[in-house]
N, C-alpha and C. Protein backbone atom coordinates (compact mmCIF):
# COMPACT_ATOMS: atom_id res chain seq x y z
N MET A 1 0.84 -1.17 0.00
CA MET A 1 0.00 0.00 0.00
C MET A 1 0.89 1.24 0.00
N ILE A 2 0.51 2.21 -0.81
CA ILE A 2 1.19 3.50 -0.86
C ILE A 2 0.28 4.53 -0.21
N LEU A 3 0.84 5.34 0.67
CA LEU A 3 0.08 6.39 1.35
C LEU A 3 0.44 7.74 0.77
N ILE A 4 -0.59 8.50 0.40
CA ILE A 4 -0.41 9.87 -0.08
C ILE A 4 -0.89 10.80 1.02
N VAL A 5 -0.01 11.72 1.44
CA VAL A 5 -0.35 12.64 2.53
C VAL A 5 -0.16 14.07 2.04
N ASP A 6 -1.25 14.78 1.88
CA ASP A 6 -1.19 16.17 1.42
C ASP A 6 -2.51 16.83 1.77
N ASP A 7 -2.47 18.10 2.15
CA ASP A 7 -3.71 18.81 2.47
C ASP A 7 -4.40 19.37 1.23
N ASP A 8 -3.77 19.24 0.07
CA ASP A 8 -4.35 19.70 -1.19
C ASP A 8 -5.10 18.53 -1.83
N HIS A 9 -6.43 18.58 -1.80
CA HIS A 9 -7.25 17.48 -2.29
C HIS A 9 -7.03 17.19 -3.77
N THR A 10 -6.76 18.21 -4.57
CA THR A 10 -6.54 18.02 -6.00
C THR A 10 -5.28 17.20 -6.24
N ILE A 11 -4.21 17.53 -5.56
CA ILE A 11 -2.96 16.79 -5.71
C ILE A 11 -3.14 15.34 -5.26
N VAL A 12 -3.80 15.16 -4.15
CA VAL A 12 -4.04 13.80 -3.65
C VAL A 12 -4.80 12.99 -4.69
N GLN A 13 -5.85 13.55 -5.25
CA GLN A 13 -6.66 12.82 -6.22
C GLN A 13 -5.86 12.48 -7.48
N LEU A 14 -5.07 13.41 -7.98
CA LEU A 14 -4.26 13.14 -9.17
C LEU A 14 -3.24 12.04 -8.92
N LEU A 15 -2.53 12.12 -7.81
CA LEU A 15 -1.54 11.09 -7.49
C LEU A 15 -2.21 9.73 -7.28
N LYS A 16 -3.35 9.74 -6.62
CA LYS A 16 -4.09 8.50 -6.37
C LYS A 16 -4.49 7.84 -7.68
N GLU A 17 -5.03 8.61 -8.60
CA GLU A 17 -5.44 8.06 -9.90
C GLU A 17 -4.25 7.49 -10.66
N MET A 18 -3.12 8.19 -10.63
CA MET A 18 -1.93 7.73 -11.34
C MET A 18 -1.42 6.40 -10.76
N LEU A 19 -1.37 6.31 -9.45
CA LEU A 19 -0.87 5.09 -8.82
C LEU A 19 -1.83 3.92 -8.98
N GLU A 20 -3.12 4.18 -8.87
CA GLU A 20 -4.10 3.11 -9.04
C GLU A 20 -4.10 2.60 -10.48
N LYS A 21 -3.84 3.48 -11.42
CA LYS A 21 -3.75 3.07 -12.82
C LYS A 21 -2.63 2.04 -13.01
N GLU A 22 -1.59 2.16 -12.18
CA GLU A 22 -0.45 1.23 -12.22
C GLU A 22 -0.67 0.03 -11.28
N LYS A 23 -1.90 -0.11 -10.77
CA LYS A 23 -2.32 -1.25 -9.95
C LYS A 23 -1.79 -1.24 -8.51
N TYR A 24 -1.42 -0.04 -7.99
CA TYR A 24 -1.03 0.05 -6.59
C TYR A 24 -2.25 0.23 -5.72
N GLU A 25 -2.20 -0.36 -4.52
CA GLU A 25 -3.22 -0.06 -3.52
C GLU A 25 -2.83 1.28 -2.91
N VAL A 26 -3.78 2.19 -2.81
CA VAL A 26 -3.48 3.55 -2.36
C VAL A 26 -4.43 3.92 -1.22
N ARG A 27 -3.85 4.55 -0.20
CA ARG A 27 -4.64 5.18 0.85
C ARG A 27 -4.26 6.65 0.86
N THR A 28 -5.16 7.47 1.36
CA THR A 28 -4.91 8.91 1.39
C THR A 28 -5.15 9.46 2.79
N ALA A 29 -4.43 10.54 3.07
CA ALA A 29 -4.62 11.28 4.32
C ALA A 29 -4.39 12.75 4.00
N TYR A 30 -5.13 13.61 4.66
CA TYR A 30 -5.05 15.04 4.39
C TYR A 30 -4.35 15.82 5.49
N ASN A 31 -3.84 15.09 6.49
CA ASN A 31 -3.06 15.72 7.56
C ASN A 31 -2.18 14.67 8.22
N GLY A 32 -1.20 15.13 8.97
CA GLY A 32 -0.25 14.22 9.59
C GLY A 32 -0.86 13.30 10.62
N ALA A 33 -1.84 13.80 11.36
CA ALA A 33 -2.46 12.99 12.41
C ALA A 33 -3.15 11.76 11.82
N SER A 34 -3.93 11.93 10.77
CA SER A 34 -4.60 10.76 10.18
C SER A 34 -3.61 9.88 9.43
N ALA A 35 -2.55 10.48 8.88
CA ALA A 35 -1.54 9.70 8.17
C ALA A 35 -0.81 8.75 9.12
N TYR A 36 -0.60 9.19 10.34
CA TYR A 36 0.19 8.41 11.29
C TYR A 36 -0.41 7.01 11.51
N GLY A 37 -1.72 6.92 11.59
CA GLY A 37 -2.37 5.62 11.75
C GLY A 37 -2.12 4.71 10.56
N HIS A 38 -2.16 5.25 9.36
CA HIS A 38 -1.92 4.46 8.16
C HIS A 38 -0.47 4.01 8.06
N ILE A 39 0.44 4.87 8.48
CA ILE A 39 1.86 4.55 8.39
C ILE A 39 2.22 3.37 9.29
N LYS A 40 1.51 3.23 10.41
CA LYS A 40 1.78 2.12 11.33
C LYS A 40 1.25 0.79 10.80
N ASP A 41 0.42 0.82 9.76
CA ASP A 41 -0.11 -0.40 9.16
C ASP A 41 1.03 -1.17 8.48
N PRO A 42 1.21 -2.45 8.79
CA PRO A 42 2.30 -3.22 8.18
C PRO A 42 2.22 -3.31 6.65
N LYS A 43 1.05 -3.04 6.08
CA LYS A 43 0.92 -3.07 4.62
C LYS A 43 1.48 -1.82 3.95
N CYS A 44 1.80 -0.80 4.73
CA CYS A 44 2.32 0.45 4.17
C CYS A 44 3.74 0.22 3.67
N ARG A 45 3.95 0.42 2.37
CA ARG A 45 5.25 0.17 1.73
C ARG A 45 5.93 1.44 1.25
N GLY A 46 5.23 2.58 1.31
CA GLY A 46 5.82 3.84 0.88
C GLY A 46 4.87 4.99 1.13
N VAL A 47 5.46 6.19 1.24
CA VAL A 47 4.68 7.39 1.54
C VAL A 47 5.10 8.52 0.60
N LEU A 48 4.12 9.19 0.02
CA LEU A 48 4.34 10.46 -0.67
C LEU A 48 3.87 11.53 0.31
N LEU A 49 4.79 12.36 0.77
CA LEU A 49 4.51 13.23 1.92
C LEU A 49 4.74 14.70 1.61
N ASP A 50 3.70 15.49 1.80
CA ASP A 50 3.81 16.95 1.73
C ASP A 50 4.38 17.44 3.06
N MET A 51 5.28 18.38 3.00
CA MET A 51 5.90 18.88 4.23
C MET A 51 5.09 20.01 4.88
N LEU A 52 4.36 20.79 4.08
CA LEU A 52 3.65 21.95 4.61
C LEU A 52 2.16 21.65 4.74
N MET A 53 1.78 21.26 5.96
CA MET A 53 0.38 20.97 6.26
C MET A 53 0.05 21.56 7.61
N PRO A 54 -1.22 21.89 7.84
CA PRO A 54 -1.61 22.37 9.17
C PRO A 54 -1.57 21.21 10.18
N GLY A 55 -1.44 21.55 11.44
CA GLY A 55 -1.39 20.51 12.48
C GLY A 55 -0.03 19.83 12.44
N ILE A 56 -0.03 18.51 12.46
CA ILE A 56 1.22 17.76 12.35
C ILE A 56 1.70 17.86 10.91
N ASN A 57 2.82 18.55 10.71
CA ASN A 57 3.32 18.72 9.34
C ASN A 57 4.22 17.55 8.96
N GLY A 58 4.76 17.60 7.76
CA GLY A 58 5.57 16.50 7.27
C GLY A 58 6.81 16.23 8.10
N ALA A 59 7.50 17.29 8.51
CA ALA A 59 8.71 17.12 9.32
C ALA A 59 8.38 16.47 10.67
N GLU A 60 7.29 16.89 11.27
CA GLU A 60 6.88 16.31 12.55
C GLU A 60 6.48 14.85 12.39
N LEU A 61 5.84 14.53 11.28
CA LEU A 61 5.46 13.15 11.02
C LEU A 61 6.71 12.28 10.86
N LEU A 62 7.72 12.79 10.17
CA LEU A 62 8.98 12.05 10.04
C LEU A 62 9.63 11.81 11.40
N LEU A 63 9.57 12.81 12.29
CA LEU A 63 10.12 12.65 13.63
C LEU A 63 9.36 11.58 14.42
N LEU A 64 8.04 11.56 14.28
CA LEU A 64 7.23 10.53 14.94
C LEU A 64 7.59 9.13 14.43
N MET A 65 7.78 9.04 13.12
CA MET A 65 8.15 7.75 12.53
C MET A 65 9.51 7.30 13.07
N ALA A 66 10.46 8.20 13.16
CA ALA A 66 11.79 7.86 13.67
C ALA A 66 11.72 7.43 15.14
N ALA A 67 10.93 8.15 15.92
CA ALA A 67 10.80 7.83 17.35
C ALA A 67 10.20 6.44 17.56
N ASP A 68 9.27 6.06 16.67
CA ASP A 68 8.63 4.75 16.78
C ASP A 68 9.33 3.68 15.95
N LYS A 69 10.50 4.04 15.38
CA LYS A 69 11.29 3.11 14.57
C LYS A 69 10.49 2.52 13.41
N ILE A 70 9.71 3.37 12.78
CA ILE A 70 8.95 2.98 11.58
C ILE A 70 9.82 3.29 10.38
N HIS A 71 10.20 2.27 9.66
CA HIS A 71 11.11 2.41 8.51
C HIS A 71 10.34 2.14 7.22
N VAL A 72 9.78 3.18 6.67
CA VAL A 72 9.03 3.11 5.42
C VAL A 72 9.63 4.16 4.48
N PRO A 73 9.89 3.81 3.23
CA PRO A 73 10.42 4.82 2.31
C PRO A 73 9.46 6.00 2.16
N VAL A 74 10.03 7.20 2.15
CA VAL A 74 9.24 8.44 2.03
C VAL A 74 9.79 9.26 0.89
N ILE A 75 8.88 9.74 0.04
CA ILE A 75 9.22 10.71 -0.99
C ILE A 75 8.54 12.01 -0.59
N VAL A 76 9.33 13.06 -0.41
CA VAL A 76 8.81 14.35 -0.01
C VAL A 76 8.34 15.09 -1.24
N ILE A 77 7.12 15.61 -1.17
CA ILE A 77 6.57 16.42 -2.26
C ILE A 77 6.31 17.82 -1.73
N ALA A 78 6.43 18.80 -2.61
CA ALA A 78 6.23 20.19 -2.17
C ALA A 78 5.09 20.83 -2.92
């Protein structure tokens, strides 16, 4: 499963459509707090992460992942 995390709904939808077209399972989150639950799922194999979001931003989410020793590849998007 690939997780897309961005507060811009248009970007999320475009990325989701592109990845699903390539047969990836995709989940979406619009903020860091909801993304955190998905990232802890063992099926999560990668994250496309926006850094600038309200609430828990991308940098804070990366720190949470490091603190919990969650090792999932992350691609930062701006």
